Amino acid sequence: MLHLVNRENRRRHLDLLESHYRVRHRVYVRERGWKALDRPDGREVDQFDNEDATYLIWARGKDVLGAARFVPTDKPHLMSDIFPHTATLAPVPRTPSVWEITRFFSVRDPAGEVSRNAVIGDILCAMFEMGLHHELEAISVVCDTFFLPRFLEQSIQAMPLGLPTPYAEGVCIACMLPVSHEQLSAARVARGVRSAVLFPVADLDPRLPSRVEVPAHAAE
C-alpha cells in the first residue's frame, strides 16, 4: 500500500516515518556504505527531513518496502546545499514548480508477496501523478549514473543538468524529469500500472484504459 505523508498528515504517520528512516539506514549505510550518514540510533535522517518534505512510502503491513522523499526546490534541498557543483550545464533549480526527489529506494519483501519492480513502478507513477496534481514543471534529482539508462529504457525523459560527477561512494549526475501526461503514460506502460496510484489523473496513452480508479488510501 502506498502512503503519502506530508506536513498536513505527518502526525498520523509518525510510526511509518520512523520505520522508513530505519530501512533507509539499512539501505544507504549498511548496504551501500554511505558512512557519513551513519547514526548510532540506526535511523538515516538529514537536514532535509523537515516540515517541507513530502514522502511516498510503500508498506505491506509494518514492512516498509520502498519510499521516496520530495522537497520543493525553493527550499533548501540536496542539489542546492550539497551538490551544486553537479549542475554545470544549467542552473540549480530554485522554484516552487520543481520538486527534488531523493532517497528513492526499494527493498525485498520478506514475505515474497510484492516485487521490487511493483514498488518502484507505483512510486514512479505516483510521482508523476503528484506532479500533475500540483502543476509542477519538473522533478529534479541527483542520482547515481546507473539510474539514467533505466529512465531512458522506459521512455521516461531525463534531461542532464551537468556531466557525471564523482563523489565518495560513486559517480552521480544531476537531472530534470519533466512532469507531463506523456511522462506519466511512459511510467504506467513501463510498469504495467493501469489505474491511478495516488491522484485521479487520467492516462492519455491509448495502450492503457482511460478509466481512472483511485485507491481509498491514496492521498490520505
Protein backbone atom coordinates (compact mmCIF):
# COMPACT_ATOMS: atom_id res chain seq x y z
CA MET A 1 0.00 0.00 0.00
CA LEU A 2 1.33 3.40 -0.97
CA HIS A 3 1.11 6.22 1.58
CA LEU A 4 1.52 9.94 1.01
CA VAL A 5 2.99 11.65 4.09
CA ASN A 6 3.33 15.42 4.22
CA ARG A 7 3.06 18.43 6.52
CA GLU A 8 -0.70 18.03 6.88
CA ASN A 9 -0.84 14.36 7.95
CA ARG A 10 2.65 13.74 9.36
CA ARG A 11 1.46 13.35 12.95
CA ARG A 12 -0.79 10.44 11.93
CA HIS A 13 2.14 8.60 10.33
CA LEU A 14 4.98 9.01 12.83
CA ASP A 15 5.45 5.24 13.27
CA LEU A 16 5.55 4.73 9.49
CA LEU A 17 8.10 7.53 9.11
CA GLU A 18 10.30 6.06 11.84
CA SER A 19 10.21 2.61 10.24
CA HIS A 20 11.13 4.16 6.90
CA TYR A 21 14.12 6.02 8.46
CA ARG A 22 15.42 2.71 9.80
CA VAL A 23 15.05 0.98 6.43
CA ARG A 24 16.88 3.90 4.85
CA HIS A 25 19.74 3.35 7.29
CA ARG A 26 19.92 -0.29 6.24
CA VAL A 27 19.86 0.59 2.54
CA TYR A 28 22.22 3.55 2.46
CA VAL A 29 24.57 2.96 5.39
CA ARG A 30 24.80 -0.80 5.86
CA GLU A 31 24.31 -1.93 2.24
CA ARG A 32 25.61 0.98 0.14
CA GLY A 33 28.29 2.09 2.59
CA TRP A 34 27.41 5.78 2.90
CA LYS A 35 29.25 6.09 6.22
CA ALA A 36 28.72 9.84 6.52
CA LEU A 37 25.01 9.09 7.06
CA ASP A 38 25.61 6.66 9.93
CA ARG A 39 23.92 7.38 13.25
CA PRO A 40 24.08 5.40 16.50
CA ASP A 41 20.28 5.26 16.73
CA GLY A 42 20.01 3.26 13.49
CA ARG A 43 17.99 5.94 11.69
CA GLU A 44 19.02 7.65 8.45
CA VAL A 45 17.81 11.24 8.63
CA ASP A 46 19.31 14.51 7.46
CA GLN A 47 18.52 18.22 7.35
CA PHE A 48 16.03 17.74 4.52
CA ASP A 49 13.74 15.50 6.59
CA ASN A 50 11.81 18.53 7.75
CA GLU A 51 8.35 20.06 7.52
CA ASP A 52 8.86 20.87 3.84
CA ALA A 53 9.36 17.22 2.89
CA THR A 54 6.69 15.04 1.29
CA TYR A 55 7.15 11.25 1.30
CA LEU A 56 5.79 8.40 -0.75
CA ILE A 57 6.15 5.28 1.39
CA TRP A 58 5.18 1.80 0.18
CA ALA A 59 4.43 -0.54 3.08
CA ARG A 60 2.99 -4.03 3.39
CA GLY A 61 1.65 -4.11 6.91
CA LYS A 62 4.53 -2.90 9.10
CA ASP A 63 7.19 -3.70 6.47
CA VAL A 64 8.41 -0.66 4.54
CA LEU A 65 9.30 -1.90 1.05
CA GLY A 66 10.17 1.38 -0.67
CA ALA A 67 9.98 5.14 -0.47
CA ALA A 68 10.97 8.48 -1.97
CA ARG A 69 11.32 11.96 -0.49
CA PHE A 70 10.34 15.21 -2.24
CA VAL A 71 11.31 18.78 -1.34
CA PRO A 72 10.32 21.96 -3.24
CA THR A 73 13.45 23.47 -4.74
CA ASP A 74 12.64 26.97 -3.49
CA LYS A 75 13.53 25.47 -0.10
CA PRO A 76 16.96 24.13 0.92
CA HIS A 77 17.49 20.85 -0.93
CA LEU A 78 20.23 18.32 -1.68
CA MET A 79 21.32 19.74 -5.04
CA SER A 80 21.39 23.35 -3.82
CA ASP A 81 23.13 22.73 -0.50
CA ILE A 82 25.31 19.63 -1.01
CA PHE A 83 25.74 19.03 -4.75
CA PRO A 84 25.54 22.43 -6.51
CA HIS A 85 28.73 21.57 -8.40
CA THR A 86 26.88 18.84 -10.32
CA ALA A 87 24.81 21.42 -12.24
CA THR A 88 27.41 22.51 -14.80
CA LEU A 89 25.16 22.80 -17.88
CA ALA A 90 22.21 24.63 -16.31
CA PRO A 91 21.40 26.42 -13.06
CA VAL A 92 20.37 24.56 -9.92
CA PRO A 93 16.53 24.68 -9.87
CA ARG A 94 15.16 27.00 -7.21
CA THR A 95 11.42 27.32 -7.83
CA PRO A 96 8.21 26.00 -6.24
CA SER A 97 7.28 24.45 -9.60
CA VAL A 98 10.18 21.97 -9.36
CA TRP A 99 10.40 19.39 -6.55
CA GLU A 100 13.52 17.37 -5.86
CA ILE A 101 13.35 13.60 -5.36
CA THR A 102 15.88 11.95 -3.03
CA ARG A 103 16.17 8.74 -1.01
CA PHE A 104 14.34 6.72 -3.69
CA PHE A 105 14.71 3.02 -2.87
CA SER A 106 13.04 -0.38 -2.78
CA VAL A 107 13.87 -3.49 -0.75
CA ARG A 108 12.96 -7.15 -0.96
CA ASP A 109 9.63 -8.12 0.59
CA PRO A 110 10.47 -10.63 3.38
CA ALA A 111 7.19 -12.43 2.68
CA GLY A 112 7.88 -12.60 -1.06
CA GLU A 113 4.42 -11.23 -1.89
CA VAL A 114 5.37 -7.92 -3.54
CA SER A 115 8.12 -7.49 -6.14
CA ARG A 116 10.60 -4.64 -6.02
CA ASN A 117 9.60 -3.71 -9.57
CA ALA A 118 5.99 -3.30 -8.46
CA VAL A 119 7.05 -0.99 -5.64
CA ILE A 120 9.29 1.11 -7.90
CA GLY A 121 6.54 1.23 -10.53
CA ASP A 122 3.95 2.51 -8.08
CA ILE A 123 6.29 5.21 -6.74
CA LEU A 124 7.29 6.41 -10.22
CA CYS A 125 3.67 6.59 -11.38
CA ALA A 126 2.62 8.32 -8.16
CA MET A 127 5.46 10.82 -8.58
CA PHE A 128 4.14 11.99 -11.96
CA GLU A 129 0.52 11.94 -10.73
CA MET A 130 1.57 14.10 -7.79
CA GLY A 131 3.49 16.40 -10.10
CA LEU A 132 0.49 16.87 -12.39
CA HIS A 133 -1.82 17.37 -9.41
CA HIS A 134 0.42 20.14 -8.04
CA GLU A 135 1.03 21.58 -11.54
CA LEU A 136 4.78 21.06 -11.29
CA GLU A 137 7.13 21.77 -14.17
CA ALA A 138 9.61 19.03 -13.34
CA ILE A 139 11.19 16.74 -10.76
CA SER A 140 14.90 17.30 -10.16
CA VAL A 141 17.31 14.66 -8.93
CA VAL A 142 20.95 14.00 -8.15
CA CYS A 143 21.29 10.27 -8.73
CA ASP A 144 23.90 7.63 -9.42
CA THR A 145 24.62 7.48 -13.14
CA PHE A 146 23.29 3.91 -13.41
CA PHE A 147 19.76 5.26 -12.88
CA LEU A 148 19.82 7.36 -16.05
CA PRO A 149 19.73 4.46 -18.57
CA ARG A 150 16.88 2.90 -16.57
CA PHE A 151 14.76 6.01 -17.07
CA LEU A 152 15.59 6.19 -20.77
CA GLU A 153 14.87 2.49 -21.33
CA GLN A 154 11.33 3.14 -20.06
CA SER A 155 10.88 6.16 -22.37
CA ILE A 156 10.95 8.50 -19.36
CA GLN A 157 12.69 11.73 -20.33
CA ALA A 158 15.60 12.79 -18.14
CA MET A 159 17.50 15.94 -19.06
CA PRO A 160 21.03 16.19 -17.60
CA LEU A 161 21.87 19.43 -15.79
CA GLY A 162 25.56 18.56 -15.75
CA LEU A 163 28.21 15.98 -16.52
CA PRO A 164 28.75 12.81 -14.46
CA THR A 165 30.47 13.82 -11.23
CA PRO A 166 32.47 11.58 -8.87
CA TYR A 167 31.55 11.56 -5.19
CA ALA A 168 32.74 9.48 -2.25
CA GLU A 169 30.58 6.43 -3.00
CA GLY A 170 30.38 6.51 -6.80
CA VAL A 171 29.51 8.75 -9.74
CA CYS A 172 26.36 10.89 -9.80
CA ILE A 173 24.56 13.14 -12.26
CA ALA A 174 22.06 15.98 -11.86
CA CYS A 175 18.91 15.67 -13.97
CA MET A 176 15.46 17.08 -14.53
CA LEU A 177 12.46 14.83 -15.20
CA PRO A 178 9.76 16.90 -16.92
CA VAL A 179 6.27 16.43 -15.49
CA SER A 180 3.69 15.72 -18.17
CA HIS A 181 0.92 13.30 -19.13
CA GLU A 182 3.38 11.73 -21.56
CA GLN A 183 5.82 11.02 -18.74
CA LEU A 184 3.02 9.51 -16.66
CA SER A 185 1.96 7.36 -19.60
CA ALA A 186 5.52 6.14 -20.10
CA ALA A 187 5.80 5.21 -16.42
CA ARG A 188 2.45 3.41 -16.46
CA VAL A 189 3.23 1.47 -19.63
CA ALA A 190 6.72 0.50 -18.42
CA ARG A 191 5.40 -0.79 -15.11
CA GLY A 192 2.05 -2.14 -16.27
CA VAL A 193 0.12 0.15 -13.92
CA ARG A 194 -3.39 0.52 -15.37
CA SER A 195 -5.11 2.91 -12.99
CA ALA A 196 -4.34 5.91 -10.79
CA VAL A 197 -1.97 5.11 -7.95
CA LEU A 198 -2.21 8.32 -5.94
CA PHE A 199 -4.17 11.14 -7.60
CA PRO A 200 -7.03 10.86 -10.14
CA VAL A 201 -5.03 11.71 -13.27
CA ALA A 202 -6.38 10.17 -16.47
CA ASP A 203 -3.89 8.46 -18.77
CA LEU A 204 -3.65 9.74 -22.35
CA ASP A 205 -1.85 6.69 -23.73
CA PRO A 206 -4.18 4.59 -25.95
CA ARG A 207 -2.45 1.39 -24.80
CA LEU A 208 -3.97 1.83 -21.35
CA PRO A 209 -7.63 2.22 -20.35
CA SER A 210 -8.75 5.79 -19.68
CA ARG A 211 -10.93 4.92 -16.71
CA VAL A 212 -9.32 6.22 -13.52
CA GLU A 213 -9.66 4.41 -10.21
CA VAL A 214 -8.07 5.81 -7.09
CA PRO A 215 -7.43 3.56 -4.05
CA ALA A 216 -9.23 4.67 -0.93
CA HIS A 217 -5.91 5.16 0.89
CA ALA A 218 -4.41 7.45 -1.75
CA ALA A 219 -3.52 10.96 -0.68
CA GLU A 220 -4.70 10.20 2.84
